[in-house]
Amino acid sequence: MDPRAALLALLSAMPLTQTCALSAAPLGRAAGGHSCFSAANAGGVRSALSRRDASDSEHLYGVTELSREGLRLVEDVTLDASGALKSAEAVLTGAGDTSEKRVLIDPEHGTVDVTTAGLHVRWQVPRDYPWVWAPLLTTNAPSSADGSGAPLTTPLDARVVWRASAGGRTVRLLDLGTLKSYTLAADQVATRDADSGTVVLGSDASEIEHGMPKSLHLAAMNIDLVNSGLAEPSSALLAVAGCTAPRGLFAQ
């Protein structure tokens, strides 16, 4: 089996069942970091993010679970040394059924592939600016505008936008629902004070500290996801679910 596919299968199989006490290491101070996010008001959203740095790239793995609606999103992303997107794969599944939405994003070739049980679409996108994407995870929470699929930003989404807009770069936002893209100035998606600031995607705001998400306000559900505590990077993938690390996941 392809290692990437195996990783996605492993992550998708892990339930996010506990609040963890892990936090990502600041960029430039360590080779990677691991984070768990949860809502203090039991909003039914949990998320985990793992980052690993290499000399010329950054690898991000994230799992976000919306337990009340039985949804799980797994994201697997590689950024280049400048922070621009090199590749991304996302898998959205619904608990209790076989439905799946898979998205493959390939900036090098300017393509986005969206696959569901009954549909496959390949979309050509301009390669002029670093790519970011509108959130794939949505909620039907009563607090959403019309109760029909308001987007929810994940910690991984926030990190991707933070890196992509570094140095005041314009970004290209991909709407994977409508297959349309838009150019946005850096200050439309992020405000910065050194390595801290705020990322804005739609109505959601993510507070950034040392380059990593510290908290996210999810407007559609009116909840805050908070990164809770510290841990050494050697604790591995925080198990993306109870903060128990599967050994060897990052072995070369």
C-alpha atoms as a PDB file:
ATOM      1  CA  MET A   1       0.000   0.000   0.000  1.00  0.00           C
ATOM      2  CA  ASP A   2       1.177   3.526  -0.731  1.00  0.00           C
ATOM      3  CA  PRO A   3       2.537   4.979   2.598  1.00  0.00           C
ATOM      4  CA  ARG A   4       0.505   8.135   2.151  1.00  0.00           C
ATOM      5  CA  ALA A   5      -2.703   6.168   1.671  1.00  0.00           C
ATOM      6  CA  ALA A   6      -1.815   4.027   4.684  1.00  0.00           C
ATOM      7  CA  LEU A   7      -1.330   7.131   6.829  1.00  0.00           C
ATOM      8  CA  LEU A   8      -4.689   8.552   5.791  1.00  0.00           C
ATOM      9  CA  ALA A   9      -6.379   5.234   6.519  1.00  0.00           C
ATOM     10  CA  LEU A  10      -4.748   5.103   9.973  1.00  0.00           C
ATOM     11  CA  LEU A  11      -5.737   8.634  10.864  1.00  0.00           C
ATOM     12  CA  SER A  12      -9.314   8.197   9.645  1.00  0.00           C
ATOM     13  CA  ALA A  13      -9.722   5.116  11.830  1.00  0.00           C
ATOM     14  CA  MET A  14      -8.749   6.914  15.039  1.00  0.00           C
ATOM     15  CA  PRO A  15     -11.631   8.458  17.050  1.00  0.00           C
ATOM     16  CA  LEU A  16     -10.918  11.775  18.745  1.00  0.00           C
ATOM     17  CA  THR A  17     -12.080  10.668  22.170  1.00  0.00           C
ATOM     18  CA  GLN A  18     -10.108  12.710  24.686  1.00  0.00           C
ATOM     19  CA  THR A  19      -9.008  16.253  25.317  1.00  0.00           C
ATOM     20  CA  CYS A  20      -5.220  16.336  25.012  1.00  0.00           C
ATOM     21  CA  ALA A  21      -2.509  18.408  26.610  1.00  0.00           C
ATOM     22  CA  LEU A  22      -0.169  18.926  23.709  1.00  0.00           C
ATOM     23  CA  SER A  23       1.040  21.960  21.833  1.00  0.00           C
ATOM     24  CA  ALA A  24       3.142  22.613  18.753  1.00  0.00           C
ATOM     25  CA  ALA A  25       6.728  23.807  19.028  1.00  0.00           C
ATOM     26  CA  PRO A  26       7.393  27.272  17.568  1.00  0.00           C
ATOM     27  CA  LEU A  27       8.727  27.244  14.016  1.00  0.00           C
ATOM     28  CA  GLY A  28      12.504  27.519  13.994  1.00  0.00           C
ATOM     29  CA  ARG A  29      12.947  26.214  17.571  1.00  0.00           C
ATOM     30  CA  ALA A  30      12.263  22.544  16.950  1.00  0.00           C
ATOM     31  CA  ALA A  31      11.923  20.024  14.143  1.00  0.00           C
ATOM     32  CA  GLY A  32       8.180  19.680  14.591  1.00  0.00           C
ATOM     33  CA  GLY A  33       5.279  19.776  16.974  1.00  0.00           C
ATOM     34  CA  HIS A  34       1.954  18.259  17.931  1.00  0.00           C
ATOM     35  CA  SER A  35      -1.274  19.884  19.026  1.00  0.00           C
ATOM     36  CA  CYS A  36      -4.754  18.959  20.177  1.00  0.00           C
ATOM     37  CA  PHE A  37      -7.667  21.366  20.144  1.00  0.00           C
ATOM     38  CA  SER A  38     -11.017  21.105  21.879  1.00  0.00           C
ATOM     39  CA  ALA A  39     -13.933  23.334  22.793  1.00  0.00           C
ATOM     40  CA  ALA A  40     -14.378  24.265  26.456  1.00  0.00           C
ATOM     41  CA  ASN A  41     -18.152  24.424  26.015  1.00  0.00           C
ATOM     42  CA  ALA A  42     -18.364  20.855  24.632  1.00  0.00           C
ATOM     43  CA  GLY A  43     -19.202  21.950  21.139  1.00  0.00           C
ATOM     44  CA  GLY A  44     -18.624  18.477  19.738  1.00  0.00           C
ATOM     45  CA  VAL A  45     -15.547  19.525  17.728  1.00  0.00           C
ATOM     46  CA  ARG A  46     -12.075  18.118  18.317  1.00  0.00           C
ATOM     47  CA  SER A  47      -9.004  18.559  16.171  1.00  0.00           C
ATOM     48  CA  ALA A  48      -5.420  17.355  16.141  1.00  0.00           C
ATOM     49  CA  LEU A  49      -2.474  18.715  14.167  1.00  0.00           C
ATOM     50  CA  SER A  50       1.036  17.368  13.739  1.00  0.00           C
ATOM     51  CA  ARG A  51       3.878  19.254  12.044  1.00  0.00           C
ATOM     52  CA  ARG A  52       7.247  17.962  10.910  1.00  0.00           C
ATOM     53  CA  ASP A  53       9.959  20.168   9.407  1.00  0.00           C
ATOM     54  CA  ALA A  54      12.577  19.131   6.868  1.00  0.00           C
ATOM     55  CA  SER A  55      15.350  21.221   5.342  1.00  0.00           C
ATOM     56  CA  ASP A  56      13.250  22.227   2.351  1.00  0.00           C
ATOM     57  CA  SER A  57       9.662  21.509   3.388  1.00  0.00           C
ATOM     58  CA  GLU A  58       7.075  21.312   6.128  1.00  0.00           C
ATOM     59  CA  HIS A  59       4.667  18.403   6.527  1.00  0.00           C
ATOM     60  CA  LEU A  60       1.298  18.842   8.209  1.00  0.00           C
ATOM     61  CA  TYR A  61      -1.142  16.107   9.211  1.00  0.00           C
ATOM     62  CA  GLY A  62      -4.492  16.952  10.723  1.00  0.00           C
ATOM     63  CA  VAL A  63      -7.681  15.235  11.823  1.00  0.00           C
ATOM     64  CA  THR A  64     -10.808  17.153  12.771  1.00  0.00           C
ATOM     65  CA  GLU A  65     -13.961  15.456  14.027  1.00  0.00           C
ATOM     66  CA  LEU A  66     -17.413  16.955  14.271  1.00  0.00           C
ATOM     67  CA  SER A  67     -18.921  14.304  16.517  1.00  0.00           C
ATOM     68  CA  ARG A  68     -22.504  15.588  16.668  1.00  0.00           C
ATOM     69  CA  GLU A  69     -22.789  15.315  12.892  1.00  0.00           C
ATOM     70  CA  GLY A  70     -20.608  12.234  12.514  1.00  0.00           C
ATOM     71  CA  LEU A  71     -18.021  13.884  10.253  1.00  0.00           C
ATOM     72  CA  ARG A  72     -14.273  13.408  10.145  1.00  0.00           C
ATOM     73  CA  LEU A  73     -11.808  15.345   7.969  1.00  0.00           C
ATOM     74  CA  VAL A  74      -8.246  14.108   7.480  1.00  0.00           C
ATOM     75  CA  GLU A  75      -5.757  16.525   5.855  1.00  0.00           C
ATOM     76  CA  ASP A  76      -2.235  15.685   4.652  1.00  0.00           C
ATOM     77  CA  VAL A  77      -0.243  18.691   3.403  1.00  0.00           C
ATOM     78  CA  THR A  78       3.290  19.533   2.299  1.00  0.00           C
ATOM     79  CA  LEU A  79       4.580  23.114   2.084  1.00  0.00           C
ATOM     80  CA  ASP A  80       7.831  24.214   0.446  1.00  0.00           C
ATOM     81  CA  ALA A  81      10.590  26.131   2.209  1.00  0.00           C
ATOM     82  CA  SER A  82       8.882  29.455   1.515  1.00  0.00           C
ATOM     83  CA  GLY A  83       5.563  28.247   2.940  1.00  0.00           C
ATOM     84  CA  ALA A  84       3.777  27.847  -0.401  1.00  0.00           C
ATOM     85  CA  LEU A  85       1.691  24.723  -0.922  1.00  0.00           C
ATOM     86  CA  LYS A  86       3.403  21.783  -2.662  1.00  0.00           C
ATOM     87  CA  SER A  87       0.646  19.209  -2.298  1.00  0.00           C
ATOM     88  CA  ALA A  88      -2.460  18.455  -0.296  1.00  0.00           C
ATOM     89  CA  GLU A  89      -4.800  15.524   0.145  1.00  0.00           C
ATOM     90  CA  ALA A  90      -8.008  15.687   2.151  1.00  0.00           C
ATOM     91  CA  VAL A  91     -10.544  12.969   2.931  1.00  0.00           C
ATOM     92  CA  LEU A  92     -13.962  13.800   4.375  1.00  0.00           C
ATOM     93  CA  THR A  93     -16.030  10.896   5.701  1.00  0.00           C
ATOM     94  CA  GLY A  94     -19.347  10.531   7.443  1.00  0.00           C
ATOM     95  CA  ALA A  95     -19.661   8.121  10.361  1.00  0.00           C
ATOM     96  CA  GLY A  96     -21.896   5.128   9.816  1.00  0.00           C
ATOM     97  CA  ASP A  97     -21.893   5.195   6.026  1.00  0.00           C
ATOM     98  CA  THR A  98     -19.495   4.627   3.164  1.00  0.00           C
ATOM     99  CA  SER A  99     -19.673   8.103   1.669  1.00  0.00           C
ATOM    100  CA  GLU A 100     -16.356   9.793   1.140  1.00  0.00           C
ATOM    101  CA  LYS A 101     -15.088  12.955  -0.497  1.00  0.00           C
ATOM    102  CA  ARG A 102     -11.447  12.988  -1.502  1.00  0.00           C
ATOM    103  CA  VAL A 103      -9.595  16.084  -2.697  1.00  0.00           C
ATOM    104  CA  LEU A 104      -6.120  16.066  -4.257  1.00  0.00           C
ATOM    105  CA  ILE A 105      -4.477  19.465  -4.727  1.00  0.00           C
ATOM    106  CA  ASP A 106      -1.418  19.658  -6.994  1.00  0.00           C
ATOM    107  CA  PRO A 107      -0.117  23.219  -7.505  1.00  0.00           C
ATOM    108  CA  GLU A 108       2.867  22.005  -9.545  1.00  0.00           C
ATOM    109  CA  HIS A 109       0.532  20.846 -12.303  1.00  0.00           C
ATOM    110  CA  GLY A 110      -2.213  23.384 -11.546  1.00  0.00           C
ATOM    111  CA  THR A 111      -4.847  20.739 -10.867  1.00  0.00           C
ATOM    112  CA  VAL A 112      -7.402  19.904  -8.226  1.00  0.00           C
ATOM    113  CA  ASP A 113      -9.154  16.512  -8.273  1.00  0.00           C
ATOM    114  CA  VAL A 114     -12.425  16.102  -6.373  1.00  0.00           C
ATOM    115  CA  THR A 115     -13.807  12.577  -6.070  1.00  0.00           C
ATOM    116  CA  THR A 116     -17.006  11.329  -4.446  1.00  0.00           C
ATOM    117  CA  ALA A 117     -18.836   8.014  -4.725  1.00  0.00           C
ATOM    118  CA  GLY A 118     -20.489   9.080  -7.969  1.00  0.00           C
ATOM    119  CA  LEU A 119     -18.342  11.893  -9.341  1.00  0.00           C
ATOM    120  CA  HIS A 120     -14.788  12.765 -10.318  1.00  0.00           C
ATOM    121  CA  VAL A 121     -13.846  16.263 -11.428  1.00  0.00           C
ATOM    122  CA  ARG A 122     -10.447  17.635 -12.435  1.00  0.00           C
ATOM    123  CA  TRP A 123     -10.186  21.406 -12.115  1.00  0.00           C
ATOM    124  CA  GLN A 124      -7.437  23.539 -13.664  1.00  0.00           C
ATOM    125  CA  VAL A 125      -6.424  26.488 -11.474  1.00  0.00           C
ATOM    126  CA  PRO A 126      -4.011  29.386 -12.196  1.00  0.00           C
ATOM    127  CA  ARG A 127      -0.585  28.936 -10.602  1.00  0.00           C
ATOM    128  CA  ASP A 128       0.169  32.633 -10.157  1.00  0.00           C
ATOM    129  CA  TYR A 129       0.032  32.807  -6.334  1.00  0.00           C
ATOM    130  CA  PRO A 130       0.336  30.362  -3.418  1.00  0.00           C
ATOM    131  CA  TRP A 131      -2.821  28.307  -3.018  1.00  0.00           C
ATOM    132  CA  VAL A 132      -5.022  28.102   0.053  1.00  0.00           C
ATOM    133  CA  TRP A 133      -8.537  26.680   0.237  1.00  0.00           C
ATOM    134  CA  ALA A 134     -11.880  27.454   1.801  1.00  0.00           C
ATOM    135  CA  PRO A 135     -12.702  25.022   4.652  1.00  0.00           C
ATOM    136  CA  LEU A 136     -13.934  21.599   3.560  1.00  0.00           C
ATOM    137  CA  LEU A 137     -15.642  20.778   6.847  1.00  0.00           C
ATOM    138  CA  THR A 138     -19.131  22.220   7.293  1.00  0.00           C
ATOM    139  CA  THR A 139     -21.765  22.182  10.003  1.00  0.00           C
ATOM    140  CA  ASN A 140     -25.549  22.335  10.004  1.00  0.00           C
ATOM    141  CA  ALA A 141     -25.560  23.893  13.471  1.00  0.00           C
ATOM    142  CA  PRO A 142     -28.657  26.002  14.225  1.00  0.00           C
ATOM    143  CA  SER A 143     -26.429  29.047  14.630  1.00  0.00           C
ATOM    144  CA  SER A 144     -25.323  28.882  10.982  1.00  0.00           C
ATOM    145  CA  ALA A 145     -26.973  31.427   8.732  1.00  0.00           C
ATOM    146  CA  ASP A 146     -29.495  29.135   7.058  1.00  0.00           C
ATOM    147  CA  GLY A 147     -28.744  25.781   8.683  1.00  0.00           C
ATOM    148  CA  SER A 148     -27.166  24.415   5.518  1.00  0.00           C
ATOM    149  CA  GLY A 149     -23.482  23.761   5.688  1.00  0.00           C
ATOM    150  CA  ALA A 150     -21.587  26.685   7.211  1.00  0.00           C
ATOM    151  CA  PRO A 151     -17.789  26.153   6.889  1.00  0.00           C
ATOM    152  CA  LEU A 152     -15.497  25.359   9.826  1.00  0.00           C
ATOM    153  CA  THR A 153     -11.794  26.246   9.697  1.00  0.00           C
ATOM    154  CA  THR A 154      -9.357  23.616  10.993  1.00  0.00           C
ATOM    155  CA  PRO A 155      -6.041  24.337  12.737  1.00  0.00           C
ATOM    156  CA  LEU A 156      -4.258  22.935   9.686  1.00  0.00           C
ATOM    157  CA  ASP A 157      -6.146  25.353   7.419  1.00  0.00           C
ATOM    158  CA  ALA A 158      -4.998  28.252   9.600  1.00  0.00           C
ATOM    159  CA  ARG A 159      -1.348  27.167   9.489  1.00  0.00           C
ATOM    160  CA  VAL A 160      -1.467  26.820   5.682  1.00  0.00           C
ATOM    161  CA  VAL A 161      -2.875  30.337   5.287  1.00  0.00           C
ATOM    162  CA  TRP A 162      -0.331  31.788   7.739  1.00  0.00           C
ATOM    163  CA  ARG A 163       2.589  30.340   5.798  1.00  0.00           C
ATOM    164  CA  ALA A 164       1.154  31.078   2.349  1.00  0.00           C
ATOM    165  CA  SER A 165       0.642  34.779   3.107  1.00  0.00           C
ATOM    166  CA  ALA A 166       4.089  35.278   4.673  1.00  0.00           C
ATOM    167  CA  GLY A 167       5.995  38.311   3.495  1.00  0.00           C
ATOM    168  CA  GLY A 168       2.802  40.003   2.357  1.00  0.00           C
ATOM    169  CA  ARG A 169       2.211  37.542  -0.474  1.00  0.00           C
ATOM    170  CA  THR A 170      -1.070  37.530  -2.346  1.00  0.00           C
ATOM    171  CA  VAL A 171      -2.781  34.128  -2.172  1.00  0.00           C
ATOM    172  CA  ARG A 172      -5.226  32.290  -4.392  1.00  0.00           C
ATOM    173  CA  LEU A 173      -8.232  30.973  -2.460  1.00  0.00           C
ATOM    174  CA  LEU A 174      -9.805  27.798  -3.862  1.00  0.00           C
ATOM    175  CA  ASP A 175     -13.503  27.212  -3.225  1.00  0.00           C
ATOM    176  CA  LEU A 176     -13.721  23.433  -3.511  1.00  0.00           C
ATOM    177  CA  GLY A 177     -17.512  23.497  -3.422  1.00  0.00           C
ATOM    178  CA  THR A 178     -18.086  25.804  -6.380  1.00  0.00           C
ATOM    179  CA  LEU A 179     -14.749  25.139  -8.145  1.00  0.00           C
ATOM    180  CA  LYS A 180     -13.991  28.839  -8.338  1.00  0.00           C
ATOM    181  CA  SER A 181     -10.841  30.634  -7.181  1.00  0.00           C
ATOM    182  CA  TYR A 182     -10.152  34.167  -6.002  1.00  0.00           C
ATOM    183  CA  THR A 183      -7.048  36.265  -5.412  1.00  0.00           C
ATOM    184  CA  LEU A 184      -6.758  37.808  -1.956  1.00  0.00           C
ATOM    185  CA  ALA A 185      -4.209  40.241  -0.593  1.00  0.00           C
ATOM    186  CA  ALA A 186      -2.214  39.010   2.389  1.00  0.00           C
ATOM    187  CA  ASP A 187      -3.939  41.422   4.756  1.00  0.00           C
ATOM    188  CA  GLN A 188      -7.341  40.005   3.763  1.00  0.00           C
ATOM    189  CA  VAL A 189      -6.451  36.641   5.288  1.00  0.00           C
ATOM    190  CA  ALA A 190      -3.858  37.429   7.972  1.00  0.00           C
ATOM    191  CA  THR A 191      -2.702  40.233  10.233  1.00  0.00           C
ATOM    192  CA  ARG A 192       0.806  39.942  11.674  1.00  0.00           C
ATOM    193  CA  ASP A 193       2.945  41.174  14.517  1.00  0.00           C
ATOM    194  CA  ALA A 194       6.241  39.310  14.088  1.00  0.00           C
ATOM    195  CA  ASP A 195       5.385  35.604  14.437  1.00  0.00           C
ATOM    196  CA  SER A 196       1.962  36.195  16.007  1.00  0.00           C
ATOM    197  CA  GLY A 197      -1.316  37.503  14.637  1.00  0.00           C
ATOM    198  CA  THR A 198      -4.696  36.413  13.296  1.00  0.00           C
ATOM    199  CA  VAL A 199      -5.798  34.319  10.316  1.00  0.00           C
ATOM    200  CA  VAL A 200      -9.287  34.919   8.913  1.00  0.00           C
ATOM    201  CA  LEU A 201     -11.085  32.419   6.673  1.00  0.00           C
ATOM    202  CA  GLY A 202     -14.688  33.334   5.974  1.00  0.00           C
ATOM    203  CA  SER A 203     -16.275  34.156   9.323  1.00  0.00           C
ATOM    204  CA  ASP A 204     -13.730  32.174  11.378  1.00  0.00           C
ATOM    205  CA  ALA A 205     -10.720  33.735  13.120  1.00  0.00           C
ATOM    206  CA  SER A 206      -7.627  31.848  14.276  1.00  0.00           C
ATOM    207  CA  GLU A 207      -5.247  33.385  16.782  1.00  0.00           C
ATOM    208  CA  ILE A 208      -1.619  32.605  15.919  1.00  0.00           C
ATOM    209  CA  GLU A 209       1.279  32.449  18.386  1.00  0.00           C
ATOM    210  CA  HIS A 210       4.845  31.575  17.350  1.00  0.00           C
ATOM    211  CA  GLY A 211       3.478  30.859  13.895  1.00  0.00           C
ATOM    212  CA  MET A 212       1.049  28.151  15.080  1.00  0.00           C
ATOM    213  CA  PRO A 213      -2.682  28.264  15.858  1.00  0.00           C
ATOM    214  CA  LYS A 214      -3.385  28.935  19.532  1.00  0.00           C
ATOM    215  CA  SER A 215      -7.170  29.130  19.292  1.00  0.00           C
ATOM    216  CA  LEU A 216      -9.890  29.231  16.647  1.00  0.00           C
ATOM    217  CA  HIS A 217     -13.277  30.922  16.846  1.00  0.00           C
ATOM    218  CA  LEU A 218     -15.770  28.934  14.751  1.00  0.00           C
ATOM    219  CA  ALA A 219     -18.467  31.476  14.027  1.00  0.00           C
ATOM    220  CA  ALA A 220     -21.134  29.082  12.702  1.00  0.00           C
ATOM    221  CA  MET A 221     -21.174  27.192  16.010  1.00  0.00           C
ATOM    222  CA  ASN A 222     -20.151  30.132  18.215  1.00  0.00           C
ATOM    223  CA  ILE A 223     -17.440  28.070  19.916  1.00  0.00           C
ATOM    224  CA  ASP A 224     -13.708  28.422  20.495  1.00  0.00           C
ATOM    225  CA  LEU A 225     -11.260  25.608  19.886  1.00  0.00           C
ATOM    226  CA  VAL A 226      -8.265  25.975  22.183  1.00  0.00           C
ATOM    227  CA  ASN A 227      -4.814  24.404  21.911  1.00  0.00           C
ATOM    228  CA  SER A 228      -4.283  22.866  25.351  1.00  0.00           C
ATOM    229  CA  GLY A 229      -0.874  22.478  26.957  1.00  0.00           C
ATOM    230  CA  LEU A 230       2.641  21.395  25.990  1.00  0.00           C
ATOM    231  CA  ALA A 231       4.427  18.204  25.017  1.00  0.00           C
ATOM    232  CA  GLU A 232       7.717  17.152  23.493  1.00  0.00           C
ATOM    233  CA  PRO A 233       7.709  16.529  19.732  1.00  0.00           C
ATOM    234  CA  SER A 234       8.894  12.969  20.419  1.00  0.00           C
ATOM    235  CA  SER A 235       5.390  12.136  21.615  1.00  0.00           C
ATOM    236  CA  ALA A 236       4.728  11.658  17.892  1.00  0.00           C
ATOM    237  CA  LEU A 237       1.369  12.119  16.274  1.00  0.00           C
ATOM    238  CA  LEU A 238      -0.431  12.716  19.592  1.00  0.00           C
ATOM    239  CA  ALA A 239      -2.347   9.752  18.292  1.00  0.00           C
ATOM    240  CA  VAL A 240      -4.608  12.297  16.755  1.00  0.00           C
ATOM    241  CA  ALA A 241      -7.138  10.989  19.178  1.00  0.00           C
ATOM    242  CA  GLY A 242      -6.407  10.382  22.894  1.00  0.00           C
ATOM    243  CA  CYS A 243      -2.904  11.761  22.613  1.00  0.00           C
ATOM    244  CA  THR A 244      -1.293   8.320  22.625  1.00  0.00           C
ATOM    245  CA  ALA A 245       1.441   8.133  20.030  1.00  0.00           C
ATOM    246  CA  PRO A 246       1.611   5.262  17.553  1.00  0.00           C
ATOM    247  CA  ARG A 247       5.291   4.393  17.381  1.00  0.00           C
ATOM    248  CA  GLY A 248       7.210   4.620  14.161  1.00  0.00           C
ATOM    249  CA  LEU A 249       4.661   6.705  12.287  1.00  0.00           C
ATOM    250  CA  PHE A 250       7.335   9.201  11.281  1.00  0.00           C
ATOM    251  CA  ALA A 251      10.097   6.637  10.792  1.00  0.00           C
ATOM    252  CA  GLN A 252      12.085   7.056   7.613  1.00  0.00           C
END
